[in-house]
């Protein structure tokens, strides 16, 4: 979100092993010592035993913020996928999975040539994340961005508070 760069990983499945591969890709991409915060839906792969086992090997590297269940419209990646589908996949035929994969990666290359950073309404440098409820912040930010004029007073259900599990080595 800060740089506007989209990090792709195309896979045939959406299993825990695919998600762990993506986390490893992010771990390699960003400087060691940085905390990588990811906004996620409640897909099983994001909370599976395999994912947790990987996270335990790099304690403190990732922080996950989960959107409310049944709130796919709150998930920014869903909007990105919709835009990609309309711009790049609409009305095309591909001869193979490889061609489709190549087209998807080409799309990411094109948008990453001139990335557009996400504009937060919060001043992140003034927020002490150790004292804040991250789920509530995401809830408020996403609602502020998602509301259209006719729906400006409508809000998603409040997120369910999740107790953070301590990660032990």
Protein backbone atom coordinates (compact mmCIF):
# COMPACT_ATOMS: atom_id res chain seq x y z
CA UNK A 1 0.00 0.00 0.00
CA UNK A 2 2.80 2.42 0.78
CA UNK A 3 4.59 2.03 -2.54
CA UNK A 4 1.61 1.06 -4.69
CA UNK A 5 3.49 -1.95 -5.98
CA UNK A 6 1.50 -5.16 -6.39
CA UNK A 7 3.35 -8.40 -5.63
CA UNK A 8 1.98 -11.28 -7.71
CA UNK A 9 2.04 -15.02 -7.28
CA UNK A 10 0.04 -17.12 -9.72
CA UNK A 11 -0.80 -20.66 -8.67
CA UNK A 12 -3.36 -23.23 -9.76
CA UNK A 13 -4.63 -23.71 -6.22
CA UNK A 14 -5.21 -21.60 -3.15
CA UNK A 15 -3.81 -23.97 -0.55
CA UNK A 16 -1.79 -23.25 2.54
CA UNK A 17 1.40 -24.21 0.72
CA UNK A 18 0.64 -21.55 -1.93
CA UNK A 19 0.07 -18.93 0.75
CA UNK A 20 3.31 -19.88 2.53
CA UNK A 21 5.13 -19.54 -0.80
CA UNK A 22 3.67 -16.03 -1.11
CA UNK A 23 4.73 -15.14 2.44
CA UNK A 24 8.26 -16.34 1.65
CA UNK A 25 8.25 -14.14 -1.45
CA UNK A 26 7.26 -11.13 0.66
CA UNK A 27 9.86 -12.02 3.29
CA UNK A 28 12.57 -12.01 0.61
CA UNK A 29 11.33 -8.76 -0.94
CA UNK A 30 11.26 -6.49 2.11
CA UNK A 31 14.15 -5.51 4.39
CA UNK A 32 14.80 -7.79 7.35
CA UNK A 33 13.60 -6.20 10.56
CA UNK A 34 10.54 -4.61 8.93
CA UNK A 35 7.15 -5.87 10.04
CA UNK A 36 4.97 -6.86 7.10
CA UNK A 37 1.29 -6.15 7.75
CA UNK A 38 -1.20 -7.94 5.52
CA UNK A 39 -4.95 -7.44 5.29
CA UNK A 40 -6.58 -10.82 4.68
CA UNK A 41 -9.93 -12.47 4.34
CA UNK A 42 -10.77 -15.49 6.48
CA UNK A 43 -9.70 -18.14 3.98
CA UNK A 44 -8.50 -21.31 5.69
CA UNK A 45 -5.04 -21.09 4.07
CA UNK A 46 -4.40 -17.85 5.99
CA UNK A 47 -4.83 -19.50 9.39
CA UNK A 48 -3.90 -23.12 8.73
CA UNK A 49 -1.48 -25.23 10.72
CA UNK A 50 1.00 -25.13 7.83
CA UNK A 51 0.84 -21.32 7.70
CA UNK A 52 1.25 -21.07 11.48
CA UNK A 53 4.23 -23.42 11.40
CA UNK A 54 5.93 -21.20 8.85
CA UNK A 55 5.11 -18.04 10.83
CA UNK A 56 6.64 -19.63 13.92
CA UNK A 57 9.97 -19.86 12.07
CA UNK A 58 10.04 -16.08 11.53
CA UNK A 59 8.38 -14.80 14.68
CA UNK A 60 7.28 -11.17 14.54
CA UNK A 61 7.89 -10.71 10.80
CA UNK A 62 4.21 -10.66 9.77
CA UNK A 63 1.10 -9.14 11.29
CA UNK A 64 -2.26 -10.21 9.89
CA UNK A 65 -5.40 -8.08 9.97
CA UNK A 66 -8.54 -9.99 9.02
CA UNK A 67 -11.56 -8.44 7.32
CA UNK A 68 -14.93 -9.42 8.78
CA UNK A 69 -16.46 -12.68 7.56
CA UNK A 70 -18.78 -12.26 4.59
CA UNK A 71 -17.16 -8.89 3.86
CA UNK A 72 -15.33 -9.59 0.60
CA UNK A 73 -16.27 -6.09 -0.58
CA UNK A 74 -14.04 -4.77 2.23
CA UNK A 75 -11.04 -6.66 0.92
CA UNK A 76 -9.02 -4.35 -1.33
CA UNK A 77 -7.55 -7.24 -3.30
CA UNK A 78 -11.03 -8.23 -4.46
CA UNK A 79 -11.39 -4.80 -6.08
CA UNK A 80 -7.96 -5.19 -7.64
CA UNK A 81 -8.88 -8.59 -9.07
CA UNK A 82 -12.14 -7.16 -10.44
CA UNK A 83 -10.27 -4.34 -12.16
CA UNK A 84 -7.68 -6.76 -13.54
CA UNK A 85 -10.41 -9.03 -14.88
CA UNK A 86 -12.17 -6.16 -16.66
CA UNK A 87 -9.01 -4.57 -18.04
CA UNK A 88 -6.96 -7.59 -18.95
CA UNK A 89 -9.07 -10.73 -19.12
CA UNK A 90 -12.39 -9.46 -20.49
CA UNK A 91 -13.19 -10.86 -23.91
CA UNK A 92 -9.98 -12.81 -24.44
CA UNK A 93 -9.30 -16.44 -25.15
CA UNK A 94 -6.15 -18.16 -24.10
CA UNK A 95 -4.71 -21.37 -25.49
CA UNK A 96 -3.17 -22.61 -22.24
CA UNK A 97 -2.76 -22.04 -18.52
CA UNK A 98 0.77 -20.87 -19.28
CA UNK A 99 -0.54 -18.14 -21.60
CA UNK A 100 -3.00 -17.01 -18.93
CA UNK A 101 -0.25 -16.96 -16.31
CA UNK A 102 2.00 -14.95 -18.64
CA UNK A 103 -0.77 -12.43 -19.27
CA UNK A 104 -1.40 -12.02 -15.53
CA UNK A 105 2.29 -11.43 -14.79
CA UNK A 106 2.48 -8.98 -17.72
CA UNK A 107 -0.47 -7.07 -16.22
CA UNK A 108 1.35 -6.81 -12.89
CA UNK A 109 4.53 -5.66 -14.66
CA UNK A 110 2.56 -2.94 -16.44
CA UNK A 111 0.81 -1.59 -13.34
CA UNK A 112 4.05 -1.73 -11.35
CA UNK A 113 5.81 0.49 -13.92
CA UNK A 114 3.82 3.41 -12.49
CA UNK A 115 2.53 2.23 -9.10
CA UNK A 116 -0.14 4.25 -7.34
CA UNK A 117 0.27 4.30 -3.55
CA UNK A 118 -2.86 3.90 -1.48
CA UNK A 119 -3.80 7.14 0.27
CA UNK A 120 -4.58 6.51 3.93
CA UNK A 121 -6.93 8.87 5.74
CA UNK A 122 -5.07 8.11 8.97
CA UNK A 123 -1.73 9.64 9.81
CA UNK A 124 0.07 6.36 10.41
CA UNK A 125 3.08 8.00 12.07
CA UNK A 126 0.83 9.30 14.88
CA UNK A 127 -0.72 5.92 15.68
CA UNK A 128 0.89 3.68 18.29
CA UNK A 129 -0.10 0.32 16.80
CA UNK A 130 0.77 -1.51 20.01
CA UNK A 131 -2.07 0.37 21.74
CA UNK A 132 -4.61 0.35 18.90
CA UNK A 133 -7.19 -2.17 17.78
CA UNK A 134 -5.93 -2.83 14.25
CA UNK A 135 -9.21 -4.46 13.21
CA UNK A 136 -11.12 -1.27 14.12
CA UNK A 137 -8.68 0.94 12.21
CA UNK A 138 -9.02 -1.21 9.09
CA UNK A 139 -12.79 -1.25 9.53
CA UNK A 140 -12.95 2.56 9.66
CA UNK A 141 -10.50 3.12 6.80
CA UNK A 142 -12.17 0.62 4.50
CA UNK A 143 -15.64 1.99 5.25
CA UNK A 144 -14.46 5.54 4.54
CA UNK A 145 -13.03 4.45 1.18
CA UNK A 146 -15.86 2.09 0.17
CA UNK A 147 -18.87 4.28 0.88
CA UNK A 148 -20.53 5.82 -2.15
CA UNK A 149 -22.59 8.99 -1.84
CA UNK A 150 -25.86 7.09 -1.55
CA UNK A 151 -24.41 4.66 0.98
CA UNK A 152 -22.30 7.09 2.99
CA UNK A 153 -24.06 6.32 6.28
CA UNK A 154 -24.01 2.54 5.85
CA UNK A 155 -21.26 0.59 7.52
CA UNK A 156 -20.16 -3.00 7.64
CA UNK A 157 -20.68 -4.96 10.84
CA UNK A 158 -18.04 -4.27 13.49
CA UNK A 159 -15.21 -6.79 13.32
CA UNK A 160 -15.11 -9.57 15.85
CA UNK A 161 -12.29 -8.92 18.29
CA UNK A 162 -9.66 -11.59 18.10
CA UNK A 163 -7.31 -12.24 20.94
CA UNK A 164 -3.78 -12.32 19.65
CA UNK A 165 -2.09 -15.63 20.17
CA UNK A 166 1.45 -15.35 21.32
CA UNK A 167 3.86 -17.02 18.94
CA UNK A 168 6.31 -19.21 20.75
CA UNK A 169 9.47 -20.67 19.34
